[in-house]
Each structure stands twice: as C-alpha cells, then as structure tokens.
Amino acid sequence: GGGLVRAGGAGNKALLLLEGEASCYIQDRGVSRWDSCAAQAVLEAHGGCFAKLAAVAAEPGSRASYTYLASATNADFEPGLAALTPYNARAPPPPGGADAPPPLATSAEQLKPYSNTCGLFALPPSEMANLEEYRQAVREAAARHPPAYD
C-alpha cells in the first residue's frame, strides 16, 4: 500500500519516480507518444522501466514498449482494447446513449497513429527488483476494476 501522488504530465511523473517521490506510475488513460517518449527514454536510461500497462497485466515477464516509428497507422493497436474517444480517434466516435460505454476500436485505422492506447506502467530503478509484485498487484486490480484504456 502506497499513497497517491497527483501530478500532471508523463514526463513529470517519470521525474517523480527518478527523484524517489513516487514508487510506481500507472495510467489506464491514453496519452500521445510525444507525452511519453522522452519520459521513457530518461527512465530506461537510468535502469527503470516504462511499458504498456496492458502487456504488464496480461503477459508474464512482459515489459512491452510502445513503438516510436513513423507510421500512418497505430503500430500498437490491440483489437477491442481501447475505447474510442475524441482524443484518440481519427474521426469523431459515434454517439452512444447516456449510460452506454464508448465503442471499442476494432481496427488500427480508427485510431490516431500517435495515441498510446494500452495504458502506461513505469517503475524507477529502485523498484525493479519488485517488478513481479507490481505485476501481480496490477493483475489483481485489473480483475476488480478493468482499466479503461481510452
């Protein structure tokens, strides 16, 4: 059990990890590649990890990273995982009912190519020895409260 540290920006959150002000960064909401690329580079250069939350939750031992290559389509698309939102969809998502959840992306072409739609998971170097404990905690939390991945 740790506490919640409220902070804006993926880069700021990575710095909080490196400064020892936080022990883990988990985000199920989408961000853009330009929000995460420098944060990932700095954190990993210091021995930490910055990975897709969906992979950490689903694949034992995975630290799958986002793809930072120029592309006309979203290179990290996973069918049926991400909700289409005005922030990640190429075209406005179809309107739903008042209580209807947003539709899920069914093709990479529906998403902006630079949207990180698999969530974020990051640890500082000081917590890497506890990666499997964090992974288990993420799996248990996801079973109780599935991530939004929007």
Protein backbone atom coordinates (compact mmCIF):
# COMPACT_ATOMS: atom_id res chain seq x y z
CA GLY A 1 0.00 0.00 0.00
CA GLY A 2 1.29 3.30 -1.13
CA GLY A 3 -0.23 6.71 -1.42
CA LEU A 4 -1.48 8.59 -4.41
CA VAL A 5 0.75 11.35 -5.76
CA ARG A 6 -1.17 13.73 -8.01
CA ALA A 7 0.98 15.16 -10.78
CA GLY A 8 0.47 16.31 -14.34
CA GLY A 9 2.36 15.09 -17.40
CA ALA A 10 4.03 11.77 -18.16
CA GLY A 11 7.46 13.44 -18.05
CA ASN A 12 6.81 14.93 -14.64
CA LYS A 13 5.64 11.56 -13.33
CA ALA A 14 8.81 9.87 -14.63
CA LEU A 15 10.91 12.53 -12.87
CA LEU A 16 9.00 11.92 -9.62
CA LEU A 17 9.97 8.25 -9.95
CA LEU A 18 13.64 9.10 -10.51
CA GLU A 19 13.64 11.58 -7.60
CA GLY A 20 12.19 8.96 -5.23
CA GLU A 21 8.97 10.93 -4.71
CA ALA A 22 6.88 8.05 -6.13
CA SER A 23 7.44 4.31 -6.49
CA CYS A 24 5.21 3.42 -9.45
CA TYR A 25 3.35 5.17 -12.27
CA ILE A 26 0.22 3.50 -13.62
CA GLN A 27 -2.17 5.13 -16.07
CA ASP A 28 -5.01 3.49 -17.96
CA ARG A 29 -5.98 6.66 -19.82
CA GLY A 30 -4.40 7.35 -23.16
CA VAL A 31 -1.68 9.85 -23.83
CA SER A 32 0.14 10.74 -27.00
CA ARG A 33 3.58 9.48 -28.00
CA TRP A 34 5.10 12.94 -27.59
CA ASP A 35 3.94 12.86 -23.95
CA SER A 36 5.72 9.60 -23.21
CA CYS A 37 8.76 9.20 -25.49
CA ALA A 38 11.22 11.41 -23.58
CA ALA A 39 9.94 10.17 -20.21
CA GLN A 40 10.51 6.59 -21.33
CA ALA A 41 13.99 7.30 -22.67
CA VAL A 42 15.15 9.02 -19.48
CA LEU A 43 13.62 6.46 -17.12
CA GLU A 44 15.02 3.48 -19.03
CA ALA A 45 18.44 5.14 -19.39
CA HIS A 46 18.57 5.18 -15.58
CA GLY A 47 17.57 1.49 -15.29
CA GLY A 48 13.82 1.80 -14.77
CA CYS A 49 11.03 0.54 -16.99
CA PHE A 50 8.24 2.22 -18.94
CA ALA A 51 5.85 -0.26 -20.57
CA LYS A 52 2.35 -0.84 -21.89
CA LEU A 53 0.01 -1.44 -18.95
CA ALA A 54 -2.00 -3.96 -20.97
CA ALA A 55 1.12 -6.09 -21.56
CA VAL A 56 2.25 -5.88 -17.94
CA ALA A 57 -1.20 -7.02 -16.79
CA ALA A 58 -1.57 -9.82 -19.34
CA GLU A 59 1.84 -11.26 -20.17
CA PRO A 60 4.15 -12.70 -17.50
CA GLY A 61 7.58 -11.14 -17.78
CA SER A 62 6.47 -8.58 -20.39
CA ARG A 63 7.82 -5.06 -20.44
CA ALA A 64 6.49 -4.41 -23.94
CA SER A 65 7.14 -0.86 -25.03
CA TYR A 66 5.30 1.43 -27.38
CA THR A 67 6.53 1.66 -30.97
CA TYR A 68 8.14 5.01 -31.76
CA LEU A 69 8.35 4.75 -35.53
CA ALA A 70 6.73 6.99 -38.10
CA SER A 71 3.61 5.25 -39.35
CA ALA A 72 0.28 6.09 -40.94
CA THR A 73 -1.48 3.65 -38.59
CA ASN A 74 -1.29 2.95 -34.88
CA ALA A 75 1.54 0.40 -34.62
CA ASP A 76 0.46 -0.71 -31.12
CA PHE A 77 -3.22 -1.38 -31.86
CA GLU A 78 -4.83 -4.25 -29.96
CA PRO A 79 -8.33 -5.16 -31.22
CA GLY A 80 -11.13 -4.44 -28.77
CA LEU A 81 -8.88 -2.95 -26.08
CA ALA A 82 -9.13 0.84 -26.40
CA ALA A 83 -12.29 2.88 -26.18
CA LEU A 84 -12.67 5.39 -28.99
CA THR A 85 -12.55 8.95 -27.65
CA PRO A 86 -12.24 12.40 -29.21
CA TYR A 87 -8.56 12.33 -28.17
CA ASN A 88 -7.51 9.05 -29.79
CA ALA A 89 -9.96 8.53 -32.68
CA ARG A 90 -9.22 9.72 -36.22
CA ALA A 91 -12.90 10.56 -36.72
CA PRO A 92 -15.40 11.53 -34.04
CA PRO A 93 -16.62 8.37 -32.32
CA PRO A 94 -20.28 7.51 -32.84
CA PRO A 95 -22.50 8.92 -30.11
CA GLY A 96 -23.71 6.44 -27.53
CA GLY A 97 -26.59 6.53 -25.13
CA ALA A 98 -26.34 8.34 -21.80
CA ASP A 99 -25.20 5.20 -19.97
CA ALA A 100 -23.57 3.42 -22.91
CA PRO A 101 -19.82 2.88 -22.73
CA PRO A 102 -17.80 4.33 -25.60
CA PRO A 103 -17.29 1.95 -28.54
CA LEU A 104 -14.06 -0.04 -28.69
CA ALA A 105 -11.61 0.35 -31.56
CA THR A 106 -11.81 -2.61 -33.91
CA SER A 107 -9.13 -1.53 -36.41
CA ALA A 108 -5.87 0.41 -36.27
CA GLU A 109 -7.23 2.81 -38.88
CA GLN A 110 -9.80 4.09 -36.34
CA LEU A 111 -7.03 5.43 -34.06
CA LYS A 112 -4.62 8.30 -34.44
CA PRO A 113 -1.20 6.79 -35.19
CA TYR A 114 0.47 8.51 -32.22
CA SER A 115 -2.04 7.53 -29.50
CA ASN A 116 -0.82 5.33 -26.64
CA THR A 117 -3.98 3.28 -26.09
CA CYS A 118 -2.62 0.41 -24.00
CA GLY A 119 -2.05 2.37 -20.78
CA LEU A 120 1.27 3.11 -19.09
CA PHE A 121 3.25 1.33 -16.37
CA ALA A 122 6.55 2.66 -15.07
CA LEU A 123 8.95 1.83 -12.26
CA PRO A 124 12.11 3.59 -11.12
CA PRO A 125 15.39 1.64 -10.91
CA SER A 126 14.95 1.30 -7.14
CA GLU A 127 11.75 -0.73 -7.62
CA MET A 128 12.82 -3.02 -10.48
CA ALA A 129 13.59 -5.87 -8.07
CA ASN A 130 9.87 -5.78 -7.14
CA LEU A 131 8.57 -5.88 -10.72
CA GLU A 132 6.74 -9.20 -10.30
CA GLU A 133 5.00 -7.95 -7.14
CA TYR A 134 3.82 -4.86 -9.01
CA ARG A 135 2.72 -7.03 -11.94
CA GLN A 136 0.64 -9.21 -9.61
CA ALA A 137 -0.90 -6.13 -7.98
CA VAL A 138 -1.78 -4.74 -11.43
CA ARG A 139 -3.44 -8.04 -12.41
CA GLU A 140 -5.45 -8.16 -9.19
CA ALA A 141 -6.54 -4.53 -9.51
CA ALA A 142 -7.48 -5.02 -13.18
CA ALA A 143 -9.63 -8.03 -12.26
CA ARG A 144 -11.57 -5.88 -9.76
CA HIS A 145 -11.66 -2.67 -11.81
CA PRO A 146 -10.85 -3.22 -15.50
CA PRO A 147 -8.70 -0.43 -16.97
CA ALA A 148 -10.48 2.00 -19.31
CA TYR A 149 -7.72 2.09 -21.97
CA ASP A 150 -9.04 5.24 -23.53
